[in-house]
C-alpha atoms as a PDB file:
ATOM      1  CA  MET A   1      75.029  50.710  32.820  1.00  0.00           C
ATOM      2  CA  SER A   2      76.093  54.510  33.210  1.00  0.00           C
ATOM      3  CA  GLU A   3      74.721  56.857  35.437  1.00  0.00           C
ATOM      4  CA  GLU A   4      73.671  59.461  32.349  1.00  0.00           C
ATOM      5  CA  LYS A   5      71.014  55.962  31.384  1.00  0.00           C
ATOM      6  CA  LEU A   6      69.144  55.821  34.541  1.00  0.00           C
ATOM      7  CA  PRO A   7      65.495  58.069  34.874  1.00  0.00           C
ATOM      8  CA  GLU A   8      67.048  59.624  38.640  1.00  0.00           C
ATOM      9  CA  SER A   9      69.527  61.358  37.211  1.00  0.00           C
ATOM     10  CA  HIS A  10      66.854  62.945  34.414  1.00  0.00           C
ATOM     11  CA  GLY A  11      63.948  63.688  36.852  1.00  0.00           C
ATOM     12  CA  SER A  12      62.230  67.561  37.257  1.00  0.00           C
ATOM     13  CA  ALA A  13      61.364  70.219  39.140  1.00  0.00           C
ATOM     14  CA  GLY A  14      57.431  69.825  39.952  1.00  0.00           C
ATOM     15  CA  HIS A  15      54.867  71.861  41.346  1.00  0.00           C
ATOM     16  CA  ASN A  16      55.379  71.403  44.089  1.00  0.00           C
ATOM     17  CA  GLU A  17      52.622  74.067  45.791  1.00  0.00           C
ATOM     18  CA  VAL A  18      51.118  72.567  49.108  1.00  0.00           C
ATOM     19  CA  ALA A  19      47.669  73.127  50.048  1.00  0.00           C
ATOM     20  CA  VAL A  20      46.727  75.743  52.288  1.00  0.00           C
ATOM     21  CA  HIS A  21      44.904  73.981  55.889  1.00  0.00           C
ATOM     22  CA  GLY A  22      41.429  74.242  55.593  1.00  0.00           C
ATOM     23  CA  ASP A  23      40.719  74.989  51.761  1.00  0.00           C
ATOM     24  CA  PRO A  24      39.708  71.595  50.256  1.00  0.00           C
ATOM     25  CA  PHE A  25      40.065  73.262  46.659  1.00  0.00           C
ATOM     26  CA  ALA A  26      43.736  74.809  46.961  1.00  0.00           C
ATOM     27  CA  ASP A  27      46.591  73.460  44.793  1.00  0.00           C
ATOM     28  CA  PRO A  28      47.501  70.040  46.193  1.00  0.00           C
ATOM     29  CA  GLY A  29      50.877  70.474  44.299  1.00  0.00           C
ATOM     30  CA  LEU A  30      52.065  67.691  41.633  1.00  0.00           C
ATOM     31  CA  PRO A  31      55.128  65.629  42.381  1.00  0.00           C
ATOM     32  CA  ALA A  32      58.602  66.164  39.827  1.00  0.00           C
ATOM     33  CA  HIS A  33      58.256  64.317  36.771  1.00  0.00           C
ATOM     34  CA  GLU A  34      59.990  60.836  36.662  1.00  0.00           C
ATOM     35  CA  PRO A  35      61.573  59.966  32.638  1.00  0.00           C
ATOM     36  CA  ARG A  36      61.349  56.482  31.947  1.00  0.00           C
ATOM     37  CA  ARG A  37      64.191  54.460  30.605  1.00  0.00           C
ATOM     38  CA  THR A  38      62.597  54.398  27.081  1.00  0.00           C
ATOM     39  CA  ASP A  39      62.928  58.354  27.076  1.00  0.00           C
ATOM     40  CA  ILE A  40      66.602  58.654  27.364  1.00  0.00           C
ATOM     41  CA  ASP A  41      67.547  55.328  26.673  1.00  0.00           C
ATOM     42  CA  GLU A  42      67.032  54.798  22.961  1.00  0.00           C
ATOM     43  CA  ARG A  43      68.253  51.211  22.932  1.00  0.00           C
ATOM     44  CA  ALA A  44      65.041  50.465  25.580  1.00  0.00           C
ATOM     45  CA  ALA A  45      63.030  52.849  23.058  1.00  0.00           C
ATOM     46  CA  LYS A  46      63.580  49.927  20.543  1.00  0.00           C
ATOM     47  CA  ARG A  47      63.500  47.212  22.403  1.00  0.00           C
ATOM     48  CA  ALA A  48      58.974  48.605  23.578  1.00  0.00           C
ATOM     49  CA  GLU A  49      58.846  48.869  20.075  1.00  0.00           C
ATOM     50  CA  HIS A  50      59.884  45.488  18.512  1.00  0.00           C
ATOM     51  CA  GLN A  51      57.682  44.594  21.829  1.00  0.00           C
ATOM     52  CA  VAL A  52      54.479  46.648  20.427  1.00  0.00           C
ATOM     53  CA  SER A  53      55.325  44.918  16.950  1.00  0.00           C
ATOM     54  CA  LEU A  54      55.747  41.682  17.571  1.00  0.00           C
ATOM     55  CA  MET A  55      52.336  41.820  19.536  1.00  0.00           C
ATOM     56  CA  PHE A  56      50.564  43.170  16.464  1.00  0.00           C
ATOM     57  CA  VAL A  57      52.523  40.606  14.634  1.00  0.00           C
ATOM     58  CA  VAL A  58      50.396  37.569  16.358  1.00  0.00           C
ATOM     59  CA  SER A  59      47.338  39.960  16.433  1.00  0.00           C
ATOM     60  CA  MET A  60      48.095  39.496  12.229  1.00  0.00           C
ATOM     61  CA  LEU A  61      48.508  35.708  12.801  1.00  0.00           C
ATOM     62  CA  ALA A  62      45.487  35.014  15.277  1.00  0.00           C
ATOM     63  CA  THR A  63      43.261  36.376  12.876  1.00  0.00           C
ATOM     64  CA  VAL A  64      44.264  34.562  10.117  1.00  0.00           C
ATOM     65  CA  GLY A  65      44.009  31.879  12.288  1.00  0.00           C
ATOM     66  CA  PHE A  66      40.338  32.415  12.997  1.00  0.00           C
ATOM     67  CA  ILE A  67      40.052  32.371   9.534  1.00  0.00           C
ATOM     68  CA  ALA A  68      41.218  28.741   8.894  1.00  0.00           C
ATOM     69  CA  SER A  69      39.918  27.686  11.473  1.00  0.00           C
ATOM     70  CA  TYR A  70      36.687  28.705  10.582  1.00  0.00           C
ATOM     71  CA  VAL A  71      36.976  27.265   7.103  1.00  0.00           C
ATOM     72  CA  ALA A  72      38.768  24.233   8.130  1.00  0.00           C
ATOM     73  CA  ILE A  73      37.430  22.385  11.145  1.00  0.00           C
ATOM     74  CA  ASP A  74      34.891  19.954  10.963  1.00  0.00           C
ATOM     75  CA  PRO A  75      31.860  22.281  13.008  1.00  0.00           C
ATOM     76  CA  ASP A  76      30.678  18.498  14.380  1.00  0.00           C
ATOM     77  CA  ARG A  77      34.231  17.813  15.875  1.00  0.00           C
ATOM     78  CA  ILE A  78      34.560  17.132  19.517  1.00  0.00           C
ATOM     79  CA  VAL A  79      37.948  17.308  21.545  1.00  0.00           C
ATOM     80  CA  PHE A  80      38.813  16.653  24.534  1.00  0.00           C
ATOM     81  CA  ILE A  81      40.674  20.151  26.122  1.00  0.00           C
ATOM     82  CA  TRP A  82      41.658  19.198  29.608  1.00  0.00           C
ATOM     83  CA  PRO A  83      40.033  20.814  31.933  1.00  0.00           C
ATOM     84  CA  LEU A  84      38.033  22.222  30.200  1.00  0.00           C
ATOM     85  CA  GLY A  85      36.359  18.857  29.016  1.00  0.00           C
ATOM     86  CA  LYS A  86      34.595  17.404  26.251  1.00  0.00           C
ATOM     87  CA  VAL A  87      34.166  20.842  23.789  1.00  0.00           C
ATOM     88  CA  SER A  88      34.124  22.191  20.021  1.00  0.00           C
ATOM     89  CA  ALA A  89      36.998  21.998  18.328  1.00  0.00           C
ATOM     90  CA  LEU A  90      35.314  24.765  16.325  1.00  0.00           C
ATOM     91  CA  ASN A  91      34.203  27.015  19.046  1.00  0.00           C
ATOM     92  CA  PHE A  92      37.895  26.544  21.162  1.00  0.00           C
ATOM     93  CA  ALA A  93      39.629  27.362  18.435  1.00  0.00           C
ATOM     94  CA  LEU A  94      37.511  30.231  16.989  1.00  0.00           C
ATOM     95  CA  GLY A  95      37.137  31.940  20.491  1.00  0.00           C
ATOM     96  CA  MET A  96      41.219  31.272  21.758  1.00  0.00           C
ATOM     97  CA  THR A  97      42.563  33.273  18.191  1.00  0.00           C
ATOM     98  CA  LEU A  98      40.024  36.307  18.066  1.00  0.00           C
ATOM     99  CA  GLY A  99      40.646  36.380  21.752  1.00  0.00           C
ATOM    100  CA  VAL A 100      44.454  36.337  21.222  1.00  0.00           C
ATOM    101  CA  ALA A 101      43.911  39.086  18.470  1.00  0.00           C
ATOM    102  CA  LEU A 102      41.719  41.441  20.234  1.00  0.00           C
ATOM    103  CA  PHE A 103      43.889  40.878  23.280  1.00  0.00           C
ATOM    104  CA  CYS A 104      47.363  41.574  21.403  1.00  0.00           C
ATOM    105  CA  ILE A 105      45.865  44.830  19.827  1.00  0.00           C
ATOM    106  CA  GLY A 106      44.755  46.454  23.285  1.00  0.00           C
ATOM    107  CA  ALA A 107      48.078  44.845  25.430  1.00  0.00           C
ATOM    108  CA  GLY A 108      49.951  46.145  22.103  1.00  0.00           C
ATOM    109  CA  ALA A 109      48.575  49.836  22.231  1.00  0.00           C
ATOM    110  CA  VAL A 110      48.886  50.051  26.005  1.00  0.00           C
ATOM    111  CA  HIS A 111      52.758  48.946  25.999  1.00  0.00           C
ATOM    112  CA  TRP A 112      52.927  51.744  23.233  1.00  0.00           C
ATOM    113  CA  ALA A 113      51.669  54.155  25.274  1.00  0.00           C
ATOM    114  CA  ARG A 114      53.067  53.465  28.195  1.00  0.00           C
ATOM    115  CA  THR A 115      56.980  53.095  26.916  1.00  0.00           C
ATOM    116  CA  LEU A 116      56.842  55.238  23.501  1.00  0.00           C
ATOM    117  CA  MET A 117      54.044  57.896  23.712  1.00  0.00           C
ATOM    118  CA  SER A 118      55.398  61.272  26.530  1.00  0.00           C
ATOM    119  CA  ASP A 119      54.114  60.595  29.833  1.00  0.00           C
ATOM    120  CA  HIS A 120      53.950  64.690  31.249  1.00  0.00           C
ATOM    121  CA  GLU A 121      52.174  65.323  33.209  1.00  0.00           C
ATOM    122  CA  LEU A 122      49.403  68.523  31.894  1.00  0.00           C
ATOM    123  CA  PRO A 123      46.841  70.047  34.804  1.00  0.00           C
ATOM    124  CA  ALA A 124      44.658  71.733  33.252  1.00  0.00           C
ATOM    125  CA  GLU A 125      42.312  74.956  35.286  1.00  0.00           C
ATOM    126  CA  ARG A 126      39.075  74.124  35.149  1.00  0.00           C
ATOM    127  CA  HIS A 127      36.550  76.649  32.653  1.00  0.00           C
ATOM    128  CA  PRO A 128      33.502  76.339  31.096  1.00  0.00           C
ATOM    129  CA  ILE A 129      32.336  73.886  29.466  1.00  0.00           C
ATOM    130  CA  GLU A 130      31.880  75.226  26.184  1.00  0.00           C
ATOM    131  CA  ALA A 131      34.540  76.234  24.587  1.00  0.00           C
ATOM    132  CA  ASP A 132      36.064  79.351  22.995  1.00  0.00           C
ATOM    133  CA  ASP A 133      38.226  79.552  19.199  1.00  0.00           C
ATOM    134  CA  GLU A 134      41.517  79.786  21.822  1.00  0.00           C
ATOM    135  CA  VAL A 135      40.221  76.692  23.390  1.00  0.00           C
ATOM    136  CA  ARG A 136      39.309  75.054  20.022  1.00  0.00           C
ATOM    137  CA  ALA A 137      42.878  75.937  18.836  1.00  0.00           C
ATOM    138  CA  ASP A 138      44.761  74.655  21.888  1.00  0.00           C
ATOM    139  CA  VAL A 139      43.169  70.852  21.721  1.00  0.00           C
ATOM    140  CA  ILE A 140      43.957  70.987  17.680  1.00  0.00           C
ATOM    141  CA  GLU A 141      47.668  71.824  18.626  1.00  0.00           C
ATOM    142  CA  GLN A 142      47.467  69.319  21.429  1.00  0.00           C
ATOM    143  CA  PHE A 143      46.408  66.660  18.987  1.00  0.00           C
ATOM    144  CA  ARG A 144      49.201  67.504  17.093  1.00  0.00           C
ATOM    145  CA  THR A 145      51.746  67.697  19.153  1.00  0.00           C
ATOM    146  CA  GLY A 146      50.390  64.197  21.109  1.00  0.00           C
ATOM    147  CA  ALA A 147      50.478  62.461  17.637  1.00  0.00           C
ATOM    148  CA  ALA A 148      54.192  63.845  17.262  1.00  0.00           C
ATOM    149  CA  GLU A 149      55.069  62.738  20.684  1.00  0.00           C
ATOM    150  CA  SER A 150      53.500  59.023  19.805  1.00  0.00           C
ATOM    151  CA  GLY A 151      56.336  58.138  17.178  1.00  0.00           C
ATOM    152  CA  PHE A 152      53.333  57.534  15.044  1.00  0.00           C
ATOM    153  CA  GLY A 153      54.732  59.424  11.927  1.00  0.00           C
ATOM    154  CA  ARG A 154      58.480  58.418  12.881  1.00  0.00           C
ATOM    155  CA  ARG A 155      58.385  54.503  14.248  1.00  0.00           C
ATOM    156  CA  LYS A 156      57.575  52.768  10.679  1.00  0.00           C
ATOM    157  CA  MET A 157      57.784  49.281  12.219  1.00  0.00           C
ATOM    158  CA  LEU A 158      54.879  50.464  15.134  1.00  0.00           C
ATOM    159  CA  ARG A 159      52.681  52.582  12.097  1.00  0.00           C
ATOM    160  CA  ASN A 160      53.098  49.535   9.666  1.00  0.00           C
ATOM    161  CA  THR A 161      52.303  46.691  12.222  1.00  0.00           C
ATOM    162  CA  LEU A 162      48.869  48.119  13.716  1.00  0.00           C
ATOM    163  CA  ILE A 163      47.391  48.817  10.194  1.00  0.00           C
ATOM    164  CA  GLY A 164      48.050  45.852   9.662  1.00  0.00           C
ATOM    165  CA  SER A 165      46.314  44.360  12.075  1.00  0.00           C
ATOM    166  CA  MET A 166      43.557  46.803  12.738  1.00  0.00           C
ATOM    167  CA  ALA A 167      43.023  45.811   9.267  1.00  0.00           C
ATOM    168  CA  LEU A 168      42.754  41.791   9.549  1.00  0.00           C
ATOM    169  CA  VAL A 169      41.074  41.572  12.639  1.00  0.00           C
ATOM    170  CA  PRO A 170      37.214  42.553  11.017  1.00  0.00           C
ATOM    171  CA  LEU A 171      38.182  39.852   8.429  1.00  0.00           C
ATOM    172  CA  SER A 172      36.984  37.479  11.357  1.00  0.00           C
ATOM    173  CA  GLY A 173      33.571  39.038  11.430  1.00  0.00           C
ATOM    174  CA  VAL A 174      33.449  38.848   7.454  1.00  0.00           C
ATOM    175  CA  VAL A 175      33.859  35.615   7.345  1.00  0.00           C
ATOM    176  CA  LEU A 176      31.148  34.968   8.803  1.00  0.00           C
ATOM    177  CA  LEU A 177      28.849  35.698   6.636  1.00  0.00           C
ATOM    178  CA  ARG A 178      29.756  33.052   5.022  1.00  0.00           C
ATOM    179  CA  ASP A 179      26.940  31.136   6.285  1.00  0.00           C
ATOM    180  CA  LEU A 180      24.454  33.532   5.071  1.00  0.00           C
ATOM    181  CA  GLY A 181      25.335  32.509   1.360  1.00  0.00           C
ATOM    182  CA  PRO A 182      24.736  29.619  -0.510  1.00  0.00           C
ATOM    183  CA  LEU A 183      27.319  26.809   1.026  1.00  0.00           C
ATOM    184  CA  PRO A 184      24.283  24.694   2.182  1.00  0.00           C
ATOM    185  CA  GLU A 185      23.529  23.993  -1.343  1.00  0.00           C
ATOM    186  CA  ASP A 186      20.710  21.409  -0.933  1.00  0.00           C
ATOM    187  CA  LYS A 187      20.800  20.251   2.027  1.00  0.00           C
ATOM    188  CA  LEU A 188      18.186  21.609   3.719  1.00  0.00           C
ATOM    189  CA  GLN A 189      16.174  20.281   1.140  1.00  0.00           C
ATOM    190  CA  HIS A 190      17.080  16.754   1.771  1.00  0.00           C
ATOM    191  CA  THR A 191      17.307  14.080   5.046  1.00  0.00           C
ATOM    192  CA  GLY A 192      18.850  10.958   6.291  1.00  0.00           C
ATOM    193  CA  TRP A 193      15.738   9.131   4.381  1.00  0.00           C
ATOM    194  CA  ASP A 194      16.720  10.669   0.773  1.00  0.00           C
ATOM    195  CA  LEU A 195      18.846   7.343   0.885  1.00  0.00           C
ATOM    196  CA  ALA A 196      16.038   4.952   0.223  1.00  0.00           C
ATOM    197  CA  THR A 197      14.834   3.487  -2.416  1.00  0.00           C
ATOM    198  CA  PRO A 198      11.714   0.939  -3.715  1.00  0.00           C
ATOM    199  CA  ALA A 199      14.735  -1.353  -4.017  1.00  0.00           C
ATOM    200  CA  LYS A 200      16.392  -0.884  -1.014  1.00  0.00           C
ATOM    201  CA  PRO A 201      14.393   0.872   1.637  1.00  0.00           C
ATOM    202  CA  ILE A 202      15.694   1.849   4.486  1.00  0.00           C
ATOM    203  CA  ALA A 203      14.092   0.594   7.921  1.00  0.00           C
ATOM    204  CA  LEU A 204      12.097   2.543  10.869  1.00  0.00           C
ATOM    205  CA  ILE A 205      13.964   2.506  14.415  1.00  0.00           C
ATOM    206  CA  ASN A 206      11.699   2.584  17.492  1.00  0.00           C
ATOM    207  CA  MET A 207      13.551   6.201  18.894  1.00  0.00           C
ATOM    208  CA  ASN A 208      12.671   3.997  22.657  1.00  0.00           C
ATOM    209  CA  THR A 209      13.609   0.530  22.343  1.00  0.00           C
ATOM    210  CA  ASP A 210      15.777   1.410  19.426  1.00  0.00           C
ATOM    211  CA  GLU A 211      14.183  -1.599  17.220  1.00  0.00           C
ATOM    212  CA  ARG A 212      12.878  -2.373  14.199  1.00  0.00           C
ATOM    213  CA  MET A 213       8.804  -2.071  14.195  1.00  0.00           C
ATOM    214  CA  LYS A 214       6.271  -3.694  12.556  1.00  0.00           C
ATOM    215  CA  ALA A 215       2.218  -2.227  10.942  1.00  0.00           C
ATOM    216  CA  GLU A 216       0.883  -4.620  14.356  1.00  0.00           C
ATOM    217  CA  ASP A 217       3.139  -2.956  17.031  1.00  0.00           C
ATOM    218  CA  ILE A 218       1.318  -0.116  15.972  1.00  0.00           C
ATOM    219  CA  ALA A 219      -1.801   0.682  17.642  1.00  0.00           C
ATOM    220  CA  VAL A 220      -4.946   2.799  16.118  1.00  0.00           C
ATOM    221  CA  GLY A 221      -4.613   5.676  18.210  1.00  0.00           C
ATOM    222  CA  SER A 222      -0.874   5.822  19.269  1.00  0.00           C
ATOM    223  CA  LEU A 223       1.842   7.883  18.912  1.00  0.00           C
ATOM    224  CA  THR A 224       5.273   6.755  17.988  1.00  0.00           C
ATOM    225  CA  PHE A 225       8.562   8.389  17.078  1.00  0.00           C
ATOM    226  CA  ALA A 226      10.677   6.748  14.555  1.00  0.00           C
ATOM    227  CA  LYS A 227      14.613   7.707  13.177  1.00  0.00           C
ATOM    228  CA  PRO A 228      15.630   6.199   9.830  1.00  0.00           C
ATOM    229  CA  PHE A 229      17.868   2.596  10.458  1.00  0.00           C
ATOM    230  CA  GLY A 230      22.274   2.961  10.386  1.00  0.00           C
ATOM    231  CA  LEU A 231      21.581   6.774  13.066  1.00  0.00           C
ATOM    232  CA  ARG A 232      23.265   6.252  15.692  1.00  0.00           C
ATOM    233  CA  GLU A 233      22.922   8.138  19.151  1.00  0.00           C
ATOM    234  CA  ASP A 234      26.589   8.010  20.145  1.00  0.00           C
ATOM    235  CA  ALA A 235      28.009   9.516  16.484  1.00  0.00           C
ATOM    236  CA  GLU A 236      28.982  12.630  16.402  1.00  0.00           C
ATOM    237  CA  ASP A 237      26.740  14.256  14.017  1.00  0.00           C
ATOM    238  CA  PHE A 238      23.550  11.767  15.734  1.00  0.00           C
ATOM    239  CA  GLN A 239      22.093  15.879  16.497  1.00  0.00           C
ATOM    240  CA  GLN A 240      22.233  17.410  13.810  1.00  0.00           C
ATOM    241  CA  ALA A 241      20.722  13.798  11.552  1.00  0.00           C
ATOM    242  CA  ILE A 242      17.928  13.655  13.863  1.00  0.00           C
ATOM    243  CA  ALA A 243      16.872  16.761  13.528  1.00  0.00           C
ATOM    244  CA  LYS A 244      15.610  16.278   9.712  1.00  0.00           C
ATOM    245  CA  ASP A 245      15.033  12.736  10.385  1.00  0.00           C
ATOM    246  CA  ALA A 246      13.042  12.143  13.371  1.00  0.00           C
ATOM    247  CA  LEU A 247       9.606  11.077  12.455  1.00  0.00           C
ATOM    248  CA  MET A 248       6.307  10.508  14.428  1.00  0.00           C
ATOM    249  CA  LEU A 249       3.950   7.529  13.513  1.00  0.00           C
ATOM    250  CA  VAL A 250       0.050   7.762  14.065  1.00  0.00           C
ATOM    251  CA  ARG A 251      -2.273   5.033  12.932  1.00  0.00           C
ATOM    252  CA  ILE A 252      -5.629   6.017  12.152  1.00  0.00           C
ATOM    253  CA  ALA A 253      -8.309   3.898  11.013  1.00  0.00           C
ATOM    254  CA  PRO A 254      -8.419   4.308   7.055  1.00  0.00           C
ATOM    255  CA  GLU A 255     -11.929   5.496   6.628  1.00  0.00           C
ATOM    256  CA  ASN A 256     -10.835   8.267   9.144  1.00  0.00           C
ATOM    257  CA  ILE A 257      -8.512   9.817   7.482  1.00  0.00           C
ATOM    258  CA  LYS A 258      -9.673  12.171   4.706  1.00  0.00           C
ATOM    259  CA  ASP A 259      -7.042  13.777   2.908  1.00  0.00           C
ATOM    260  CA  SER A 260      -6.373  10.768  -0.048  1.00  0.00           C
ATOM    261  CA  ASP A 261      -2.480  11.235  -1.313  1.00  0.00           C
ATOM    262  CA  SER A 262      -1.835  10.779   2.572  1.00  0.00           C
ATOM    263  CA  ARG A 263      -3.798   7.292   2.974  1.00  0.00           C
ATOM    264  CA  GLU A 264      -1.672   6.416  -0.173  1.00  0.00           C
ATOM    265  CA  LEU A 265       1.726   7.343   1.404  1.00  0.00           C
ATOM    266  CA  GLY A 266       0.961   5.865   4.379  1.00  0.00           C
ATOM    267  CA  PHE A 267       0.051   1.667   5.791  1.00  0.00           C
ATOM    268  CA  GLU A 268      -2.958   0.280   6.591  1.00  0.00           C
ATOM    269  CA  GLY A 269      -3.797   3.583   7.925  1.00  0.00           C
ATOM    270  CA  ILE A 270      -0.120   4.279   9.752  1.00  0.00           C
ATOM    271  CA  LEU A 271       1.045   7.722   8.407  1.00  0.00           C
ATOM    272  CA  ALA A 272       4.800   9.021   8.998  1.00  0.00           C
ATOM    273  CA  TYR A 273       5.400  12.487   9.225  1.00  0.00           C
ATOM    274  CA  SER A 274       7.877  14.820  10.232  1.00  0.00           C
ATOM    275  CA  LYS A 275       8.380  15.843  13.756  1.00  0.00           C
ATOM    276  CA  ILE A 276       9.436  18.543  13.489  1.00  0.00           C
ATOM    277  CA  CYS A 277       7.503  21.674  13.531  1.00  0.00           C
ATOM    278  CA  THR A 278       7.144  23.980  10.442  1.00  0.00           C
ATOM    279  CA  HIS A 279       7.110  27.237  12.721  1.00  0.00           C
ATOM    280  CA  VAL A 280      10.620  27.567  14.162  1.00  0.00           C
ATOM    281  CA  GLY A 281      11.430  23.260  14.102  1.00  0.00           C
ATOM    282  CA  CYS A 282      10.494  22.832  17.718  1.00  0.00           C
ATOM    283  CA  PRO A 283       9.850  18.481  18.026  1.00  0.00           C
ATOM    284  CA  ILE A 284       5.849  18.046  18.105  1.00  0.00           C
ATOM    285  CA  SER A 285       5.250  15.524  21.137  1.00  0.00           C
ATOM    286  CA  LEU A 286       1.520  15.929  22.384  1.00  0.00           C
ATOM    287  CA  TYR A 287      -1.186  14.495  20.252  1.00  0.00           C
ATOM    288  CA  GLU A 288      -5.227  13.984  20.751  1.00  0.00           C
ATOM    289  CA  GLN A 289      -6.679  10.832  20.177  1.00  0.00           C
ATOM    290  CA  GLN A 290     -10.292  11.605  19.254  1.00  0.00           C
ATOM    291  CA  THR A 291      -9.336  14.631  16.698  1.00  0.00           C
ATOM    292  CA  HIS A 292      -6.432  13.364  15.074  1.00  0.00           C
ATOM    293  CA  HIS A 293      -4.319  16.708  16.108  1.00  0.00           C
ATOM    294  CA  ALA A 294      -1.070  16.964  16.847  1.00  0.00           C
ATOM    295  CA  LEU A 295       0.107  19.921  18.861  1.00  0.00           C
ATOM    296  CA  CYS A 296       3.728  21.693  19.140  1.00  0.00           C
ATOM    297  CA  PRO A 297       4.547  22.528  22.646  1.00  0.00           C
ATOM    298  CA  CYS A 298       6.101  25.770  22.095  1.00  0.00           C
ATOM    299  CA  HIS A 299       4.004  28.419  20.428  1.00  0.00           C
ATOM    300  CA  GLN A 300       1.116  25.991  20.111  1.00  0.00           C
ATOM    301  CA  SER A 301       0.921  25.091  16.154  1.00  0.00           C
ATOM    302  CA  THR A 302      -1.778  22.657  15.795  1.00  0.00           C
ATOM    303  CA  PHE A 303      -1.817  20.014  12.833  1.00  0.00           C
ATOM    304  CA  ASP A 304      -4.439  17.777  11.676  1.00  0.00           C
ATOM    305  CA  LEU A 305      -3.135  13.926  10.908  1.00  0.00           C
ATOM    306  CA  SER A 306      -6.179  12.670   9.376  1.00  0.00           C
ATOM    307  CA  ASP A 307      -5.802  15.553   6.562  1.00  0.00           C
ATOM    308  CA  GLY A 308      -2.429  15.487   5.310  1.00  0.00           C
ATOM    309  CA  ALA A 309      -1.033  17.896   8.615  1.00  0.00           C
ATOM    310  CA  ARG A 310      -2.704  20.396   7.681  1.00  0.00           C
ATOM    311  CA  VAL A 311      -2.331  23.610   9.671  1.00  0.00           C
ATOM    312  CA  ILE A 312      -5.671  24.459  11.775  1.00  0.00           C
ATOM    313  CA  PHE A 313      -4.143  26.527  14.216  1.00  0.00           C
ATOM    314  CA  GLY A 314      -0.910  28.504  15.313  1.00  0.00           C
ATOM    315  CA  PRO A 315       2.002  30.842  13.341  1.00  0.00           C
ATOM    316  CA  ALA A 316       3.208  27.244  10.820  1.00  0.00           C
ATOM    317  CA  GLY A 317       3.035  28.521   7.775  1.00  0.00           C
ATOM    318  CA  HIS A 318       2.807  24.407   6.005  1.00  0.00           C
ATOM    319  CA  PRO A 319       1.676  21.433   6.340  1.00  0.00           C
ATOM    320  CA  LEU A 320       4.356  18.499   8.334  1.00  0.00           C
ATOM    321  CA  PRO A 321       5.875  16.334   5.422  1.00  0.00           C
ATOM    322  CA  GLN A 322       5.212  13.151   5.047  1.00  0.00           C
ATOM    323  CA  LEU A 323       7.199  10.287   4.061  1.00  0.00           C
ATOM    324  CA  LYS A 324       6.031   7.314   2.258  1.00  0.00           C
ATOM    325  CA  ILE A 325       6.325   3.897   4.387  1.00  0.00           C
ATOM    326  CA  THR A 326       5.596   0.416   3.737  1.00  0.00           C
ATOM    327  CA  THR A 327       6.633  -3.482   4.515  1.00  0.00           C
ATOM    328  CA  ASP A 328       9.847  -5.256   3.390  1.00  0.00           C
ATOM    329  CA  GLU A 329       9.272  -9.090   2.916  1.00  0.00           C
ATOM    330  CA  GLU A 330       9.770  -9.659   6.574  1.00  0.00           C
ATOM    331  CA  GLY A 331       6.984  -7.269   7.923  1.00  0.00           C
ATOM    332  CA  PHE A 332       9.137  -4.660   9.390  1.00  0.00           C
ATOM    333  CA  LEU A 333       8.002  -1.198   8.506  1.00  0.00           C
ATOM    334  CA  VAL A 334      10.217   0.791   5.941  1.00  0.00           C
ATOM    335  CA  ALA A 335      10.907   3.678   3.987  1.00  0.00           C
ATOM    336  CA  THR A 336      11.168   4.014   0.334  1.00  0.00           C
ATOM    337  CA  GLY A 337      11.760   7.262  -0.535  1.00  0.00           C
ATOM    338  CA  ASP A 338      12.641  10.799   1.074  1.00  0.00           C
ATOM    339  CA  PHE A 339      10.185  13.628   2.369  1.00  0.00           C
ATOM    340  CA  ALA A 340       8.394  15.233  -0.589  1.00  0.00           C
ATOM    341  CA  GLU A 341       9.079  18.785   0.790  1.00  0.00           C
ATOM    342  CA  PRO A 342      11.731  20.145   2.825  1.00  0.00           C
ATOM    343  CA  VAL A 343      11.203  19.065   6.635  1.00  0.00           C
ATOM    344  CA  GLY A 344      10.949  22.054   9.116  1.00  0.00           C
ATOM    345  CA  PRO A 345      10.706  26.244   8.865  1.00  0.00           C
ATOM    346  CA  SER A 346      10.244  27.998   6.213  1.00  0.00           C
ATOM    347  CA  PHE A 347      13.919  29.733   4.349  1.00  0.00           C
ATOM    348  CA  TRP A 348      14.547  31.243   1.360  1.00  0.00           C
ATOM    349  CA  GLU A 349      15.386  28.426  -0.873  1.00  0.00           C
ATOM    350  CA  ARG A 350      12.383  26.230  -0.278  1.00  0.00           C
ATOM    351  CA  ALA A 351      10.194  25.613  -3.610  1.00  0.00           C
END
């Protein structure tokens, strides 16, 4: 490399005043300015421009990857990634792509400022906070000078890739609005019991023993939890499914059941209600045998299971949905259809 390409040969005199001894407010002086290689070598400047543009292009690709991951990856998919272990494939992909997109914009901007924008030291004397017309004019002039020295107008590749990356990044937030639209379709209206019919009923499985249940297995005054046959706890979508399919079975003496429709949906006093509270979706697990009241432990919504699970206290908006049950030819409890109403909290499209 020739001597004229070395920054040392292009130094300038500094502001070399020396501080006065004993005066803490004296001007300490300013070292001589040392130019960078990109200031004196256009080839080096071009390399820096290409590096910054590459970062902006990578940011654009990462944003496209974020959108593609959000649309294509199953939310229930679990993958093993060392050393993190088993993680959600969707969350990992979204985090990585969005992180790369934002990092490349920031890193590109820093590299642009450190290699191509002007780095001349400009000391400014202290002055009152209020600016006069002359200072305001000077600020505007400095802004124009900085814009010119940054090369934003002259270096089209930098300008275009920066605009492209900055324009694409907001799309990462826009696609998240997808979940506010009608994409759930009628998924909130149905549960795993929807496949049950009188001709092909679904057996009730005890959540504790993982076995089928008969009517005699449920004593009067007891509370038992159940799930549909075929729902395995080691399945990837188990948590999502059980959040809608969970049942609580209570046996009440038929003469103590106040609601006739609820009595008809049950079998010999055995009533099957959704375990999901209709307030915010907490699992109900507390039962008072003497009053037949079920209590949600989260916000104390109370339901009268002997009267169609109507709300008698708390913030819940509607009764617990009830499942139609009977027994098969072997005497096992089965469901013959889905809940008559959607389970869980209210939502906009709820009928």
